[in-house]
């Protein structure tokens, strides 16, 4: 069925009073004084001061770094060597 987007969309029957629309809006939840006192109990964990320990392994004998995507790949994914360095099969395609 074709739709006429230029046609008027509201009929006189569709109009609602402002009071009727306001009645449909849900009321905002109120915060009691007990809840207001407990706001401080919700704290963000202090992750910033934690030190992370990461072990970085050097490039292994059976790995290479693709000079196009700069990812470390195994030797069997090497497509070719350009004058810049090795290129992986994904970047060669």
C-alpha atoms as a PDB file:
ATOM      1  CA  UNK A   1       0.000   0.000   0.000  1.00  0.00           C
ATOM      2  CA  UNK A   2       1.419   3.383  -0.989  1.00  0.00           C
ATOM      3  CA  UNK A   3       1.827   6.066   1.658  1.00  0.00           C
ATOM      4  CA  UNK A   4       1.260   9.705   0.910  1.00  0.00           C
ATOM      5  CA  UNK A   5       3.896  11.508   2.947  1.00  0.00           C
ATOM      6  CA  UNK A   6       2.542  14.926   1.947  1.00  0.00           C
ATOM      7  CA  UNK A   7      -0.852  14.226   3.472  1.00  0.00           C
ATOM      8  CA  UNK A   8      -1.746  15.813   6.778  1.00  0.00           C
ATOM      9  CA  UNK A   9      -0.908  13.417   9.591  1.00  0.00           C
ATOM     10  CA  UNK A  10      -3.050  14.689  12.455  1.00  0.00           C
ATOM     11  CA  UNK A  11      -6.783  14.596  12.470  1.00  0.00           C
ATOM     12  CA  UNK A  12      -8.968  16.631  14.784  1.00  0.00           C
ATOM     13  CA  UNK A  13      -9.744  13.392  16.633  1.00  0.00           C
ATOM     14  CA  UNK A  14      -6.054  12.918  17.467  1.00  0.00           C
ATOM     15  CA  UNK A  15      -5.723  16.088  19.488  1.00  0.00           C
ATOM     16  CA  UNK A  16      -5.300  15.695  23.214  1.00  0.00           C
ATOM     17  CA  UNK A  17      -5.474  18.273  25.904  1.00  0.00           C
ATOM     18  CA  UNK A  18      -2.296  19.339  27.639  1.00  0.00           C
ATOM     19  CA  UNK A  19      -3.666  18.098  30.947  1.00  0.00           C
ATOM     20  CA  UNK A  20      -4.254  14.607  29.515  1.00  0.00           C
ATOM     21  CA  UNK A  21      -0.679  14.462  28.252  1.00  0.00           C
ATOM     22  CA  UNK A  22       0.689  15.602  31.624  1.00  0.00           C
ATOM     23  CA  UNK A  23      -1.277  12.848  33.386  1.00  0.00           C
ATOM     24  CA  UNK A  24       0.443  10.178  31.273  1.00  0.00           C
ATOM     25  CA  UNK A  25       3.949  11.338  32.225  1.00  0.00           C
ATOM     26  CA  UNK A  26       5.254   9.249  35.124  1.00  0.00           C
ATOM     27  CA  UNK A  27       6.174  11.160  38.217  1.00  0.00           C
ATOM     28  CA  UNK A  28       9.826  11.549  39.170  1.00  0.00           C
ATOM     29  CA  UNK A  29      10.985   9.330  42.012  1.00  0.00           C
ATOM     30  CA  UNK A  30      11.652  11.197  45.198  1.00  0.00           C
ATOM     31  CA  UNK A  31      14.764  10.695  47.279  1.00  0.00           C
ATOM     32  CA  UNK A  32      14.108  10.283  50.938  1.00  0.00           C
ATOM     33  CA  UNK A  33      16.446  11.725  53.568  1.00  0.00           C
ATOM     34  CA  UNK A  34      17.705   8.224  54.391  1.00  0.00           C
ATOM     35  CA  UNK A  35      18.767   7.698  50.798  1.00  0.00           C
ATOM     36  CA  UNK A  36      20.372  11.133  50.672  1.00  0.00           C
ATOM     37  CA  UNK A  37      22.551  10.218  53.657  1.00  0.00           C
ATOM     38  CA  UNK A  38      23.800   7.034  51.949  1.00  0.00           C
ATOM     39  CA  UNK A  39      25.025   8.782  48.809  1.00  0.00           C
ATOM     40  CA  UNK A  40      28.585   8.795  50.170  1.00  0.00           C
ATOM     41  CA  UNK A  41      28.560   5.025  50.582  1.00  0.00           C
ATOM     42  CA  UNK A  42      28.711   4.609  46.805  1.00  0.00           C
ATOM     43  CA  UNK A  43      32.328   5.204  45.900  1.00  0.00           C
ATOM     44  CA  UNK A  44      34.264   4.559  42.737  1.00  0.00           C
ATOM     45  CA  UNK A  45      37.008   1.980  43.266  1.00  0.00           C
ATOM     46  CA  UNK A  46      40.474   3.479  43.382  1.00  0.00           C
ATOM     47  CA  UNK A  47      41.912   1.772  40.307  1.00  0.00           C
ATOM     48  CA  UNK A  48      44.127   4.636  39.253  1.00  0.00           C
ATOM     49  CA  UNK A  49      46.703   4.044  41.964  1.00  0.00           C
ATOM     50  CA  UNK A  50      47.110   0.343  41.207  1.00  0.00           C
ATOM     51  CA  UNK A  51      50.204  -0.678  39.300  1.00  0.00           C
ATOM     52  CA  UNK A  52      49.821  -3.114  36.440  1.00  0.00           C
ATOM     53  CA  UNK A  53      52.535  -5.637  35.774  1.00  0.00           C
ATOM     54  CA  UNK A  54      52.905  -6.666  32.155  1.00  0.00           C
ATOM     55  CA  UNK A  55      55.520  -9.046  30.833  1.00  0.00           C
ATOM     56  CA  UNK A  56      56.708  -8.065  27.353  1.00  0.00           C
ATOM     57  CA  UNK A  57      58.304 -10.869  25.417  1.00  0.00           C
ATOM     58  CA  UNK A  58      60.844 -10.083  22.709  1.00  0.00           C
ATOM     59  CA  UNK A  59      60.125 -11.082  19.115  1.00  0.00           C
ATOM     60  CA  UNK A  60      60.491 -14.852  18.825  1.00  0.00           C
ATOM     61  CA  UNK A  61      62.403 -16.650  16.051  1.00  0.00           C
ATOM     62  CA  UNK A  62      59.188 -17.857  14.405  1.00  0.00           C
ATOM     63  CA  UNK A  63      57.522 -14.399  14.412  1.00  0.00           C
ATOM     64  CA  UNK A  64      57.758 -11.210  12.360  1.00  0.00           C
ATOM     65  CA  UNK A  65      56.227  -7.746  12.523  1.00  0.00           C
ATOM     66  CA  UNK A  66      54.144  -6.780   9.500  1.00  0.00           C
ATOM     67  CA  UNK A  67      55.249  -3.386   8.187  1.00  0.00           C
ATOM     68  CA  UNK A  68      51.708  -2.605   6.977  1.00  0.00           C
ATOM     69  CA  UNK A  69      49.512  -3.375  10.006  1.00  0.00           C
ATOM     70  CA  UNK A  70      52.361  -3.511  12.579  1.00  0.00           C
ATOM     71  CA  UNK A  71      51.052  -6.709  14.162  1.00  0.00           C
ATOM     72  CA  UNK A  72      53.296  -9.556  15.261  1.00  0.00           C
ATOM     73  CA  UNK A  73      52.453 -12.600  13.145  1.00  0.00           C
ATOM     74  CA  UNK A  74      53.833 -16.143  12.872  1.00  0.00           C
ATOM     75  CA  UNK A  75      56.264 -16.822   9.993  1.00  0.00           C
ATOM     76  CA  UNK A  76      53.713 -18.935   8.093  1.00  0.00           C
ATOM     77  CA  UNK A  77      51.570 -15.788   7.582  1.00  0.00           C
ATOM     78  CA  UNK A  78      54.320 -13.879   5.793  1.00  0.00           C
ATOM     79  CA  UNK A  79      53.318 -13.138   2.190  1.00  0.00           C
ATOM     80  CA  UNK A  80      56.344 -11.229   0.950  1.00  0.00           C
ATOM     81  CA  UNK A  81      59.196  -8.979   1.923  1.00  0.00           C
ATOM     82  CA  UNK A  82      59.143  -5.464   0.580  1.00  0.00           C
ATOM     83  CA  UNK A  83      61.965  -2.944   0.791  1.00  0.00           C
ATOM     84  CA  UNK A  84      60.336  -1.681   4.014  1.00  0.00           C
ATOM     85  CA  UNK A  85      60.098  -5.142   5.567  1.00  0.00           C
ATOM     86  CA  UNK A  86      57.851  -8.215   5.721  1.00  0.00           C
ATOM     87  CA  UNK A  87      54.138  -8.016   4.812  1.00  0.00           C
ATOM     88  CA  UNK A  88      51.514 -10.461   6.157  1.00  0.00           C
ATOM     89  CA  UNK A  89      49.056 -12.349   3.961  1.00  0.00           C
ATOM     90  CA  UNK A  90      46.102 -10.250   5.142  1.00  0.00           C
ATOM     91  CA  UNK A  91      47.760  -6.981   4.132  1.00  0.00           C
ATOM     92  CA  UNK A  92      49.045  -8.405   0.838  1.00  0.00           C
ATOM     93  CA  UNK A  93      45.502  -9.111  -0.404  1.00  0.00           C
END
